[in-house]
Every structure is written in structure tokens, then in C-alpha cells.
PDB file of N, CA and C in Angstrom:
ATOM      1  N   PRO A   1    -130.453 115.401 196.686  1.00  0.00           N
ATOM      2  CA  PRO A   1    -130.845 114.642 195.276  1.00  0.00           C
ATOM      3  C   PRO A   1    -129.872 114.013 194.756  1.00  0.00           C
ATOM      4  N   ARG A   2    -130.370 112.772 194.180  1.00  0.00           N
ATOM      5  CA  ARG A   2    -129.292 111.945 193.512  1.00  0.00           C
ATOM      6  C   ARG A   2    -129.107 112.472 192.190  1.00  0.00           C
ATOM      7  N   VAL A   3    -127.662 112.468 191.716  1.00  0.00           N
ATOM      8  CA  VAL A   3    -127.316 112.994 190.478  1.00  0.00           C
ATOM      9  C   VAL A   3    -127.315 111.613 189.571  1.00  0.00           C
ATOM     10  N   GLN A   4    -127.943 111.779 188.444  1.00  0.00           N
ATOM     11  CA  GLN A   4    -127.834 110.529 187.371  1.00  0.00           C
ATOM     12  C   GLN A   4    -126.838 110.958 186.391  1.00  0.00           C
ATOM     13  N   VAL A   5    -125.982 109.886 186.152  1.00  0.00           N
ATOM     14  CA  VAL A   5    -125.145 110.113 184.915  1.00  0.00           C
ATOM     15  C   VAL A   5    -125.695 109.361 183.762  1.00  0.00           C
ATOM     16  N   GLY A   6    -126.003 109.968 182.724  1.00  0.00           N
ATOM     17  CA  GLY A   6    -126.546 109.163 181.536  1.00  0.00           C
ATOM     18  C   GLY A   6    -125.601 108.855 180.502  1.00  0.00           C
ATOM     19  N   PRO A   7    -125.825 108.040 179.487  1.00  0.00           N
ATOM     20  CA  PRO A   7    -125.098 107.771 178.398  1.00  0.00           C
ATOM     21  C   PRO A   7    -124.268 109.056 177.791  1.00  0.00           C
ATOM     22  N   GLU A   8    -125.050 110.116 177.713  1.00  0.00           N
ATOM     23  CA  GLU A   8    -124.572 111.371 177.098  1.00  0.00           C
ATOM     24  C   GLU A   8    -123.266 111.898 177.932  1.00  0.00           C
ATOM     25  N   THR A   9    -123.605 112.011 179.298  1.00  0.00           N
ATOM     26  CA  THR A   9    -122.630 112.358 180.114  1.00  0.00           C
ATOM     27  C   THR A   9    -121.315 111.535 179.952  1.00  0.00           C
ATOM     28  N   HIS A  10    -121.700 110.311 179.953  1.00  0.00           N
ATOM     29  CA  HIS A  10    -120.391 109.219 179.912  1.00  0.00           C
ATOM     30  C   HIS A  10    -119.838 109.471 178.707  1.00  0.00           C
ATOM     31  N   GLN A  11    -120.350 109.628 177.608  1.00  0.00           N
ATOM     32  CA  GLN A  11    -119.724 109.923 176.175  1.00  0.00           C
ATOM     33  C   GLN A  11    -118.931 111.200 176.276  1.00  0.00           C
ATOM     34  N   ARG A  12    -119.353 112.188 176.982  1.00  0.00           N
ATOM     35  CA  ARG A  12    -118.695 113.323 176.961  1.00  0.00           C
ATOM     36  C   ARG A  12    -117.526 113.323 177.740  1.00  0.00           C
ATOM     37  N   VAL A  13    -117.363 112.627 178.856  1.00  0.00           N
ATOM     38  CA  VAL A  13    -116.267 112.314 179.792  1.00  0.00           C
ATOM     39  C   VAL A  13    -115.351 111.574 179.075  1.00  0.00           C
ATOM     40  N   ASN A  14    -115.770 110.464 178.187  1.00  0.00           N
ATOM     41  CA  ASN A  14    -114.676 109.536 177.650  1.00  0.00           C
ATOM     42  C   ASN A  14    -114.625 109.913 176.180  1.00  0.00           C
ATOM     43  N   ARG A  15    -114.941 111.156 175.763  1.00  0.00           N
ATOM     44  CA  ARG A  15    -114.781 111.358 174.473  1.00  0.00           C
ATOM     45  C   ARG A  15    -113.356 111.180 173.831  1.00  0.00           C
ATOM     46  N   GLU A  16    -112.333 111.648 174.635  1.00  0.00           N
ATOM     47  CA  GLU A  16    -110.926 111.575 174.100  1.00  0.00           C
ATOM     48  C   GLU A  16    -110.551 110.227 174.074  1.00  0.00           C
ATOM     49  N   VAL A  17    -110.892 109.301 174.961  1.00  0.00           N
ATOM     50  CA  VAL A  17    -110.675 107.898 174.914  1.00  0.00           C
ATOM     51  C   VAL A  17    -111.331 107.301 173.758  1.00  0.00           C
ATOM     52  N   GLU A  18    -112.609 107.547 173.582  1.00  0.00           N
ATOM     53  CA  GLU A  18    -113.241 106.959 172.256  1.00  0.00           C
ATOM     54  C   GLU A  18    -112.590 107.432 171.073  1.00  0.00           C
ATOM     55  N   THR A  19    -112.164 108.556 171.069  1.00  0.00           N
ATOM     56  CA  THR A  19    -111.498 109.218 169.785  1.00  0.00           C
ATOM     57  C   THR A  19    -110.297 108.446 169.470  1.00  0.00           C
ATOM     58  N   ARG A  20    -109.500 108.031 170.436  1.00  0.00           N
ATOM     59  CA  ARG A  20    -108.411 107.383 170.233  1.00  0.00           C
ATOM     60  C   ARG A  20    -108.690 106.004 169.954  1.00  0.00           C
ATOM     61  N   ASP A  21    -109.582 105.262 170.673  1.00  0.00           N
ATOM     62  CA  ASP A  21    -109.703 103.787 170.434  1.00  0.00           C
ATOM     63  C   ASP A  21    -110.844 103.352 169.696  1.00  0.00           C
ATOM     64  N   ALA A  22    -112.079 104.032 169.616  1.00  0.00           N
ATOM     65  CA  ALA A  22    -113.206 103.303 168.977  1.00  0.00           C
ATOM     66  C   ALA A  22    -113.451 104.102 167.619  1.00  0.00           C
ATOM     67  N   HIS A  23    -113.199 105.260 167.408  1.00  0.00           N
ATOM     68  CA  HIS A  23    -113.584 106.013 166.231  1.00  0.00           C
ATOM     69  C   HIS A  23    -112.247 106.304 165.438  1.00  0.00           C
ATOM     70  N   ILE A  24    -111.314 105.491 165.479  1.00  0.00           N
ATOM     71  CA  ILE A  24    -110.185 105.837 164.551  1.00  0.00           C
ATOM     72  C   ILE A  24    -110.417 105.451 163.227  1.00  0.00           C
ATOM     73  N   SER A  25    -110.058 106.317 162.317  1.00  0.00           N
ATOM     74  CA  SER A  25    -110.120 106.036 160.847  1.00  0.00           C
ATOM     75  C   SER A  25    -109.245 104.881 160.362  1.00  0.00           C
ATOM     76  N   SER A  26    -109.642 104.234 159.374  1.00  0.00           N
ATOM     77  CA  SER A  26    -108.908 103.019 159.008  1.00  0.00           C
ATOM     78  C   SER A  26    -107.651 103.542 158.361  1.00  0.00           C
ATOM     79  N   SER A  27    -107.468 104.817 157.969  1.00  0.00           N
ATOM     80  CA  SER A  27    -106.247 105.160 157.218  1.00  0.00           C
ATOM     81  C   SER A  27    -105.382 106.093 158.214  1.00  0.00           C
ATOM     82  N   ILE A  28    -105.928 106.774 159.102  1.00  0.00           N
ATOM     83  CA  ILE A  28    -105.232 107.735 160.002  1.00  0.00           C
ATOM     84  C   ILE A  28    -105.727 107.717 161.377  1.00  0.00           C
ATOM     85  N   ARG A  29    -104.681 107.647 162.351  1.00  0.00           N
ATOM     86  CA  ARG A  29    -104.829 107.429 163.722  1.00  0.00           C
ATOM     87  C   ARG A  29    -104.428 108.788 164.198  1.00  0.00           C
ATOM     88  N   ARG A  30    -105.213 109.525 165.103  1.00  0.00           N
ATOM     89  CA  ARG A  30    -105.055 110.683 165.702  1.00  0.00           C
ATOM     90  C   ARG A  30    -104.697 110.581 167.048  1.00  0.00           C
ATOM     91  N   VAL A  31    -103.571 110.931 167.614  1.00  0.00           N
ATOM     92  CA  VAL A  31    -103.184 110.873 168.993  1.00  0.00           C
ATOM     93  C   VAL A  31    -102.694 112.391 169.448  1.00  0.00           C
ATOM     94  N   TYR A  32    -103.255 112.637 170.641  1.00  0.00           N
ATOM     95  CA  TYR A  32    -103.069 114.014 171.054  1.00  0.00           C
ATOM     96  C   TYR A  32    -102.014 113.882 172.385  1.00  0.00           C
ATOM     97  N   HIS A  33    -101.007 114.714 172.319  1.00  0.00           N
ATOM     98  CA  HIS A  33    -100.034 114.847 173.283  1.00  0.00           C
ATOM     99  C   HIS A  33    -100.125 116.303 173.874  1.00  0.00           C
ATOM    100  N   HIS A  34     -99.814 116.538 175.161  1.00  0.00           N
ATOM    101  CA  HIS A  34     -99.780 117.862 175.568  1.00  0.00           C
ATOM    102  C   HIS A  34     -98.321 118.153 176.137  1.00  0.00           C
ATOM    103  N   PHE A  35     -97.781 118.963 175.417  1.00  0.00           N
ATOM    104  CA  PHE A  35     -96.260 119.387 175.801  1.00  0.00           C
ATOM    105  C   PHE A  35     -96.116 120.867 176.006  1.00  0.00           C
ATOM    106  N   GLU A  36     -95.621 121.154 177.202  1.00  0.00           N
ATOM    107  CA  GLU A  36     -95.469 122.494 177.641  1.00  0.00           C
ATOM    108  C   GLU A  36     -96.771 123.364 177.229  1.00  0.00           C
ATOM    109  N   GLY A  37     -97.931 123.008 177.663  1.00  0.00           N
ATOM    110  CA  GLY A  37     -99.136 123.553 177.614  1.00  0.00           C
ATOM    111  C   GLY A  37     -99.642 123.689 176.107  1.00  0.00           C
ATOM    112  N   HIS A  38     -99.033 123.095 175.076  1.00  0.00           N
ATOM    113  CA  HIS A  38     -99.537 123.108 173.812  1.00  0.00           C
ATOM    114  C   HIS A  38    -100.011 121.686 173.421  1.00  0.00           C
ATOM    115  N   ALA A  39    -101.164 121.490 172.715  1.00  0.00           N
ATOM    116  CA  ALA A  39    -101.713 120.222 172.458  1.00  0.00           C
ATOM    117  C   ALA A  39    -101.189 119.870 170.948  1.00  0.00           C
ATOM    118  N   LEU A  40    -100.498 118.837 170.907  1.00  0.00           N
ATOM    119  CA  LEU A  40     -99.995 118.413 169.626  1.00  0.00           C
ATOM    120  C   LEU A  40    -100.772 117.385 168.962  1.00  0.00           C
ATOM    121  N   GLN A  41    -101.101 117.189 167.784  1.00  0.00           N
ATOM    122  CA  GLN A  41    -101.817 116.311 167.204  1.00  0.00           C
ATOM    123  C   GLN A  41    -100.835 115.507 166.280  1.00  0.00           C
ATOM    124  N   LEU A  42    -100.778 114.145 166.536  1.00  0.00           N
ATOM    125  CA  LEU A  42     -99.929 113.403 165.605  1.00  0.00           C
ATOM    126  C   LEU A  42    -100.968 112.532 164.574  1.00  0.00           C
ATOM    127  N   ARG A  43    -100.647 112.711 163.446  1.00  0.00           N
ATOM    128  CA  ARG A  43    -101.573 111.806 162.543  1.00  0.00           C
ATOM    129  C   ARG A  43    -100.515 110.768 162.087  1.00  0.00           C
ATOM    130  N   LEU A  44    -101.101 109.376 162.239  1.00  0.00           N
ATOM    131  CA  LEU A  44    -100.238 108.209 161.944  1.00  0.00           C
ATOM    132  C   LEU A  44    -100.995 107.424 160.757  1.00  0.00           C
ATOM    133  N   PRO A  45    -100.612 107.593 159.551  1.00  0.00           N
ATOM    134  CA  PRO A  45    -101.025 107.001 158.516  1.00  0.00           C
ATOM    135  C   PRO A  45    -100.835 105.529 158.459  1.00  0.00           C
ATOM    136  N   VAL A  46    -101.372 104.599 157.989  1.00  0.00           N
ATOM    137  CA  VAL A  46    -101.198 103.168 158.100  1.00  0.00           C
ATOM    138  C   VAL A  46     -99.684 102.806 157.561  1.00  0.00           C
ATOM    139  N   ASP A  47     -99.161 103.541 156.904  1.00  0.00           N
ATOM    140  CA  ASP A  47     -97.635 103.136 156.413  1.00  0.00           C
ATOM    141  C   ASP A  47     -96.640 103.593 157.572  1.00  0.00           C
ATOM    142  N   GLY A  48     -97.117 104.085 158.676  1.00  0.00           N
ATOM    143  CA  GLY A  48     -96.268 104.318 159.822  1.00  0.00           C
ATOM    144  C   GLY A  48     -95.613 105.691 159.981  1.00  0.00           C
ATOM    145  N   SER A  49     -95.636 106.482 158.723  1.00  0.00           N
ATOM    146  CA  SER A  49     -95.057 107.819 158.838  1.00  0.00           C
ATOM    147  C   SER A  49     -95.975 108.728 159.651  1.00  0.00           C
ATOM    148  N   ALA A  50     -95.254 109.642 160.176  1.00  0.00           N
ATOM    149  CA  ALA A  50     -96.098 110.640 161.179  1.00  0.00           C
ATOM    150  C   ALA A  50     -95.866 112.163 160.710  1.00  0.00           C
ATOM    151  N   LEU A  51     -97.055 112.732 160.657  1.00  0.00           N
ATOM    152  CA  LEU A  51     -96.989 114.048 160.427  1.00  0.00           C
ATOM    153  C   LEU A  51     -97.495 114.833 161.772  1.00  0.00           C
ATOM    154  N   THR A  52     -96.644 115.820 162.128  1.00  0.00           N
ATOM    155  CA  THR A  52     -97.068 116.350 163.446  1.00  0.00           C
ATOM    156  C   THR A  52     -97.599 117.941 163.296  1.00  0.00           C
ATOM    157  N   ARG A  53     -98.608 118.166 163.925  1.00  0.00           N
ATOM    158  CA  ARG A  53     -99.107 119.738 163.922  1.00  0.00           C
ATOM    159  C   ARG A  53     -99.710 119.942 165.185  1.00  0.00           C
ATOM    160  N   SER A  54     -99.277 121.169 165.434  1.00  0.00           N
ATOM    161  CA  SER A  54     -99.550 121.751 166.660  1.00  0.00           C
ATOM    162  C   SER A  54    -101.079 122.374 166.666  1.00  0.00           C
ATOM    163  N   ARG A  55    -101.897 122.212 167.676  1.00  0.00           N
ATOM    164  CA  ARG A  55    -103.244 122.764 167.613  1.00  0.00           C
ATOM    165  C   ARG A  55    -103.300 124.213 167.513  1.00  0.00           C
ATOM    166  N   ASN A  56    -102.363 124.938 168.173  1.00  0.00           N
ATOM    167  CA  ASN A  56    -102.235 126.501 168.144  1.00  0.00           C
ATOM    168  C   ASN A  56    -101.495 126.934 166.792  1.00  0.00           C
ATOM    169  N   ASP A  57    -101.370 125.864 165.875  1.00  0.00           N
ATOM    170  CA  ASP A  57    -100.558 126.508 164.642  1.00  0.00           C
ATOM    171  C   ASP A  57     -99.177 127.035 164.790  1.00  0.00           C
ATOM    172  N   SER A  58     -98.637 126.485 165.928  1.00  0.00           N
ATOM    173  CA  SER A  58     -97.228 126.953 166.156  1.00  0.00           C
ATOM    174  C   SER A  58     -96.325 125.975 165.554  1.00  0.00           C
ATOM    175  N   THR A  59     -95.167 126.311 164.875  1.00  0.00           N
ATOM    176  CA  THR A  59     -94.179 125.404 164.305  1.00  0.00           C
ATOM    177  C   THR A  59     -93.266 125.028 165.236  1.00  0.00           C
ATOM    178  N   LYS A  60     -93.152 125.724 166.350  1.00  0.00           N
ATOM    179  CA  LYS A  60     -92.230 125.370 167.455  1.00  0.00           C
ATOM    180  C   LYS A  60     -92.692 124.088 168.197  1.00  0.00           C
ATOM    181  N   VAL A  61     -91.747 123.146 168.227  1.00  0.00           N
ATOM    182  CA  VAL A  61     -92.070 121.833 168.912  1.00  0.00           C
ATOM    183  C   VAL A  61     -91.260 121.572 170.117  1.00  0.00           C
TER     184      VAL A  61
END
């Protein structure tokens, strides 16, 4: 049988790309980095300063 990939599946697969590119807030840009098994979220406000937060609430970077 043929497997159909609909828009919903396509959105699910490309969710991370869409989050970075298409659905960025005008004031904050969120970028995810994976470092030693930890997902880090960088919040980049328009002024260019960066706030770094670990997804697992660890302060060790």
C-alpha cells in the first residue's frame, strides 16, 4: 500500500525548522542547540543580548 504524507505530517517533521524560521516572535528569537546531550535554548531579543537557559533546568553549560 502507498503511504500518503499529508500537510499535517509535513508540519510535524518540519516543526523545528518552522519554529526557527516562520514562527519567530518579533521581539524574541529562539534557537535550540544540543550540547553533550542537553538541549539549550537561546533567547535572542532584538537588541542582540542573549539569555541562555537549559531545557533540563541545569545551570551547567
